[in-house]
């Protein structure tokens, strides 16, 4: 009986994850023409799904030769410390 209850809990969690994925996919479809909105949606959903305190997306800018912060999200009021990361930075290499 305990095994059955455990299996039901796992199934319920999987169904909830699937429903969230469907909802996220619909939102991505609506945002596909607006890259900034799309990036914000992606970082929000990653932070929320993983239960992490902060997430950010940096994209490479050829003119600046640096990765530039394009989207971030925090559920705990964390502010980004770095807006640009030079391509000379060891983190980027």
N, C-alpha and C. Protein backbone atom coordinates (compact mmCIF):
# COMPACT_ATOMS: atom_id res chain seq x y z
N UNK A 1 0.81 -1.20 0.00
CA UNK A 1 0.00 0.00 0.00
C UNK A 1 0.86 1.27 0.00
N UNK A 2 1.94 1.23 0.77
CA UNK A 2 2.83 2.39 0.83
C UNK A 2 3.46 2.65 -0.53
N UNK A 3 3.79 1.57 -1.23
CA UNK A 3 4.37 1.71 -2.58
C UNK A 3 3.39 2.38 -3.52
N UNK A 4 2.12 2.02 -3.41
CA UNK A 4 1.09 2.59 -4.28
C UNK A 4 0.93 4.08 -4.01
N UNK A 5 0.95 4.47 -2.74
CA UNK A 5 0.84 5.89 -2.40
C UNK A 5 2.04 6.67 -2.91
N UNK A 6 3.23 6.07 -2.82
CA UNK A 6 4.42 6.71 -3.35
C UNK A 6 4.34 6.89 -4.85
N UNK A 7 3.84 5.87 -5.54
CA UNK A 7 3.69 5.95 -7.00
C UNK A 7 2.67 7.02 -7.37
N UNK A 8 1.61 7.14 -6.60
CA UNK A 8 0.59 8.17 -6.86
C UNK A 8 1.16 9.57 -6.69
N UNK A 9 1.99 9.73 -5.66
CA UNK A 9 2.62 11.05 -5.44
C UNK A 9 3.54 11.40 -6.60
N UNK A 10 4.31 10.44 -7.05
CA UNK A 10 5.22 10.67 -8.18
C UNK A 10 4.42 11.02 -9.43
N UNK A 11 3.34 10.27 -9.68
CA UNK A 11 2.50 10.54 -10.84
C UNK A 11 1.88 11.93 -10.75
N UNK A 12 1.39 12.31 -9.58
CA UNK A 12 0.79 13.64 -9.40
C UNK A 12 1.83 14.73 -9.65
N UNK A 13 3.06 14.53 -9.17
CA UNK A 13 4.12 15.52 -9.40
C UNK A 13 4.45 15.60 -10.88
N UNK A 14 4.50 14.47 -11.57
CA UNK A 14 4.78 14.46 -13.01
C UNK A 14 3.68 15.17 -13.79
N UNK A 15 2.44 14.95 -13.41
CA UNK A 15 1.31 15.61 -14.09
C UNK A 15 1.39 17.12 -13.88
N UNK A 16 1.76 17.55 -12.68
CA UNK A 16 1.89 18.99 -12.41
C UNK A 16 3.03 19.59 -13.25
N UNK A 17 4.16 18.87 -13.34
CA UNK A 17 5.28 19.36 -14.14
C UNK A 17 4.88 19.46 -15.62
N UNK A 18 4.14 18.47 -16.09
CA UNK A 18 3.68 18.49 -17.48
C UNK A 18 2.76 19.67 -17.74
N UNK A 19 1.84 19.93 -16.81
CA UNK A 19 0.92 21.07 -16.96
C UNK A 19 1.71 22.38 -16.98
N UNK A 20 2.72 22.50 -16.11
CA UNK A 20 3.55 23.71 -16.10
C UNK A 20 4.32 23.85 -17.40
N UNK A 21 4.81 22.74 -17.93
CA UNK A 21 5.54 22.78 -19.20
C UNK A 21 4.63 23.22 -20.34
N UNK A 22 3.40 22.72 -20.38
CA UNK A 22 2.45 23.14 -21.41
C UNK A 22 2.16 24.64 -21.30
N UNK A 23 1.98 25.12 -20.08
CA UNK A 23 1.71 26.55 -19.86
C UNK A 23 2.91 27.39 -20.33
N UNK A 24 4.11 26.94 -19.99
CA UNK A 24 5.32 27.64 -20.38
C UNK A 24 5.48 27.66 -21.90
N UNK A 25 5.19 26.54 -22.54
CA UNK A 25 5.30 26.44 -24.00
C UNK A 25 4.34 27.41 -24.69
N UNK A 26 3.13 27.53 -24.18
CA UNK A 26 2.17 28.50 -24.75
C UNK A 26 2.69 29.92 -24.59
N UNK A 27 3.25 30.23 -23.42
CA UNK A 27 3.80 31.57 -23.19
C UNK A 27 4.97 31.85 -24.12
N UNK A 28 5.81 30.85 -24.36
CA UNK A 28 6.93 31.02 -25.28
C UNK A 28 6.42 31.34 -26.68
N UNK A 29 5.36 30.67 -27.09
CA UNK A 29 4.77 30.92 -28.41
C UNK A 29 4.29 32.34 -28.55
N UNK A 30 3.71 32.89 -27.50
CA UNK A 30 3.22 34.27 -27.54
C UNK A 30 4.36 35.28 -27.55
N UNK A 31 5.50 34.92 -26.96
CA UNK A 31 6.61 35.87 -26.82
C UNK A 31 7.66 35.71 -27.91
N UNK A 32 7.45 34.84 -28.89
CA UNK A 32 8.51 34.52 -29.84
C UNK A 32 8.98 35.69 -30.69
N UNK A 33 8.16 36.73 -30.84
CA UNK A 33 8.56 37.87 -31.66
C UNK A 33 9.25 38.97 -30.85
N UNK A 34 9.34 38.80 -29.55
CA UNK A 34 9.96 39.81 -28.68
C UNK A 34 11.06 39.12 -27.86
N UNK A 35 12.30 39.22 -28.32
CA UNK A 35 13.41 38.48 -27.71
C UNK A 35 13.61 38.87 -26.25
N UNK A 36 13.45 40.14 -25.90
CA UNK A 36 13.64 40.56 -24.51
C UNK A 36 12.59 39.92 -23.61
N UNK A 37 11.36 39.92 -24.06
CA UNK A 37 10.29 39.30 -23.29
C UNK A 37 10.52 37.79 -23.17
N UNK A 38 10.97 37.18 -24.23
CA UNK A 38 11.25 35.75 -24.25
C UNK A 38 12.36 35.41 -23.24
N UNK A 39 13.44 36.18 -23.23
CA UNK A 39 14.54 35.93 -22.31
C UNK A 39 14.10 36.09 -20.86
N UNK A 40 13.29 37.11 -20.59
CA UNK A 40 12.78 37.32 -19.23
C UNK A 40 11.90 36.15 -18.80
N UNK A 41 11.08 35.68 -19.71
CA UNK A 41 10.21 34.54 -19.42
C UNK A 41 11.03 33.29 -19.13
N UNK A 42 12.06 33.05 -19.92
CA UNK A 42 12.90 31.87 -19.73
C UNK A 42 13.60 31.92 -18.37
N UNK A 43 14.24 33.04 -18.04
CA UNK A 43 14.98 33.13 -16.78
C UNK A 43 14.02 33.05 -15.59
N UNK A 44 12.84 33.65 -15.70
CA UNK A 44 11.85 33.56 -14.62
C UNK A 44 11.46 32.10 -14.38
N UNK A 45 11.15 31.39 -15.45
CA UNK A 45 10.68 30.01 -15.33
C UNK A 45 11.79 29.09 -14.80
N UNK A 46 13.03 29.33 -15.21
CA UNK A 46 14.15 28.51 -14.71
C UNK A 46 14.35 28.74 -13.22
N UNK A 47 14.34 29.99 -12.79
CA UNK A 47 14.52 30.31 -11.37
C UNK A 47 13.39 29.69 -10.55
N UNK A 48 12.17 29.83 -11.02
CA UNK A 48 11.03 29.30 -10.28
C UNK A 48 11.04 27.77 -10.25
N UNK A 49 11.29 27.14 -11.38
CA UNK A 49 11.25 25.68 -11.47
C UNK A 49 12.36 25.03 -10.65
N UNK A 50 13.55 25.59 -10.71
CA UNK A 50 14.67 25.01 -9.97
C UNK A 50 14.70 25.41 -8.50
N UNK A 51 13.90 26.42 -8.15
CA UNK A 51 13.86 26.86 -6.76
C UNK A 51 15.15 27.54 -6.33
N UNK A 52 15.80 28.22 -7.28
CA UNK A 52 17.04 28.92 -6.96
C UNK A 52 16.73 30.37 -6.65
N UNK A 53 17.67 31.07 -6.03
CA UNK A 53 17.41 32.44 -5.60
C UNK A 53 17.63 33.47 -6.70
N UNK A 54 18.43 33.14 -7.71
CA UNK A 54 18.74 34.14 -8.75
C UNK A 54 19.14 33.45 -10.04
N UNK A 55 18.77 34.05 -11.16
CA UNK A 55 19.18 33.56 -12.47
C UNK A 55 19.38 34.73 -13.42
N UNK A 56 20.26 34.56 -14.39
CA UNK A 56 20.55 35.62 -15.35
C UNK A 56 20.92 35.01 -16.69
N UNK A 57 20.64 35.78 -17.75
CA UNK A 57 21.04 35.39 -19.09
C UNK A 57 21.90 36.52 -19.66
N UNK A 58 23.10 36.15 -20.09
CA UNK A 58 24.02 37.08 -20.74
C UNK A 58 24.16 36.66 -22.19
N UNK A 59 24.14 37.63 -23.10
CA UNK A 59 24.36 37.37 -24.52
C UNK A 59 25.60 38.11 -24.98
N UNK A 60 26.31 37.51 -25.91
CA UNK A 60 27.55 38.12 -26.40
C UNK A 60 27.24 39.27 -27.36
N UNK A 61 27.91 40.40 -27.13
CA UNK A 61 27.79 41.58 -27.99
C UNK A 61 29.14 41.76 -28.69
N UNK A 62 29.16 41.57 -30.01
CA UNK A 62 30.41 41.65 -30.77
C UNK A 62 31.04 43.03 -30.71
N UNK A 63 30.21 44.08 -30.74
CA UNK A 63 30.73 45.43 -30.70
C UNK A 63 31.45 45.74 -29.40
N UNK A 64 30.90 45.28 -28.30
CA UNK A 64 31.50 45.51 -26.99
C UNK A 64 32.56 44.45 -26.64
N UNK A 65 32.57 43.36 -27.41
CA UNK A 65 33.44 42.23 -27.10
C UNK A 65 33.24 41.79 -25.66
N UNK A 66 31.96 41.65 -25.30
CA UNK A 66 31.62 41.27 -23.93
C UNK A 66 30.24 40.60 -23.91
N UNK A 67 30.02 39.83 -22.87
CA UNK A 67 28.69 39.28 -22.63
C UNK A 67 27.92 40.30 -21.81
N UNK A 68 26.72 40.64 -22.27
CA UNK A 68 25.93 41.70 -21.66
C UNK A 68 24.68 41.08 -21.03
N UNK A 69 24.37 41.53 -19.81
CA UNK A 69 23.18 41.05 -19.12
C UNK A 69 21.93 41.45 -19.91
N UNK A 70 21.12 40.46 -20.28
CA UNK A 70 19.90 40.72 -21.04
C UNK A 70 18.64 40.44 -20.24
N UNK A 71 18.72 39.53 -19.27
CA UNK A 71 17.55 39.21 -18.46
C UNK A 71 18.01 38.62 -17.14
N UNK A 72 17.30 38.95 -16.07
CA UNK A 72 17.59 38.35 -14.77
C UNK A 72 16.31 38.29 -13.95
N UNK A 73 16.33 37.44 -12.96
CA UNK A 73 15.18 37.35 -12.06
C UNK A 73 15.63 36.83 -10.70
N UNK A 74 15.01 37.39 -9.66
CA UNK A 74 15.31 36.97 -8.31
C UNK A 74 14.03 36.98 -7.49
N UNK A 75 13.82 35.95 -6.70
CA UNK A 75 12.69 35.92 -5.79
C UNK A 75 13.08 36.49 -4.43
N UNK A 76 14.36 36.82 -4.26
CA UNK A 76 14.84 37.28 -2.96
C UNK A 76 15.44 38.68 -3.01
N UNK A 77 15.14 39.43 -4.06
CA UNK A 77 15.62 40.81 -4.16
C UNK A 77 17.09 40.95 -4.51
N UNK A 78 17.71 39.91 -4.99
CA UNK A 78 19.13 39.96 -5.37
C UNK A 78 19.26 40.81 -6.64
N UNK A 79 20.20 41.71 -6.63
CA UNK A 79 20.45 42.58 -7.78
C UNK A 79 21.69 42.08 -8.52
N UNK A 80 21.70 42.22 -9.86
CA UNK A 80 22.89 41.79 -10.61
C UNK A 80 24.10 42.62 -10.23
N UNK A 81 25.23 41.96 -10.03
CA UNK A 81 26.46 42.64 -9.67
C UNK A 81 27.27 43.04 -10.90
N UNK A 82 27.08 42.32 -11.99
CA UNK A 82 27.87 42.55 -13.20
C UNK A 82 26.92 42.69 -14.38
N UNK A 83 27.04 43.80 -15.11
CA UNK A 83 26.20 44.03 -16.27
C UNK A 83 26.87 43.56 -17.56
N UNK A 84 28.21 43.57 -17.56
CA UNK A 84 28.98 43.11 -18.72
C UNK A 84 30.15 42.26 -18.24
N UNK A 85 30.46 41.23 -19.02
CA UNK A 85 31.63 40.40 -18.73
C UNK A 85 32.48 40.39 -19.99
N UNK A 86 33.66 40.95 -19.90
CA UNK A 86 34.57 41.05 -21.05
C UNK A 86 34.92 39.66 -21.56
N UNK A 87 35.14 39.58 -22.88
CA UNK A 87 35.53 38.29 -23.44
C UNK A 87 36.96 37.91 -23.03
N UNK A 88 37.65 38.79 -22.36
CA UNK A 88 38.99 38.49 -21.82
C UNK A 88 38.89 37.83 -20.45
N UNK A 89 37.74 37.86 -19.86
CA UNK A 89 37.51 37.27 -18.55
C UNK A 89 37.65 35.75 -18.63
N UNK A 90 38.32 35.14 -17.64
CA UNK A 90 38.51 33.70 -17.63
C UNK A 90 37.20 32.94 -17.59
N UNK A 91 36.17 33.54 -17.04
CA UNK A 91 34.85 32.92 -16.98
C UNK A 91 34.29 32.70 -18.38
N UNK A 92 34.60 33.58 -19.31
CA UNK A 92 34.10 33.51 -20.69
C UNK A 92 34.97 32.59 -21.54
N UNK A 93 36.26 32.62 -21.33
CA UNK A 93 37.20 31.82 -22.14
C UNK A 93 36.90 30.40 -21.94
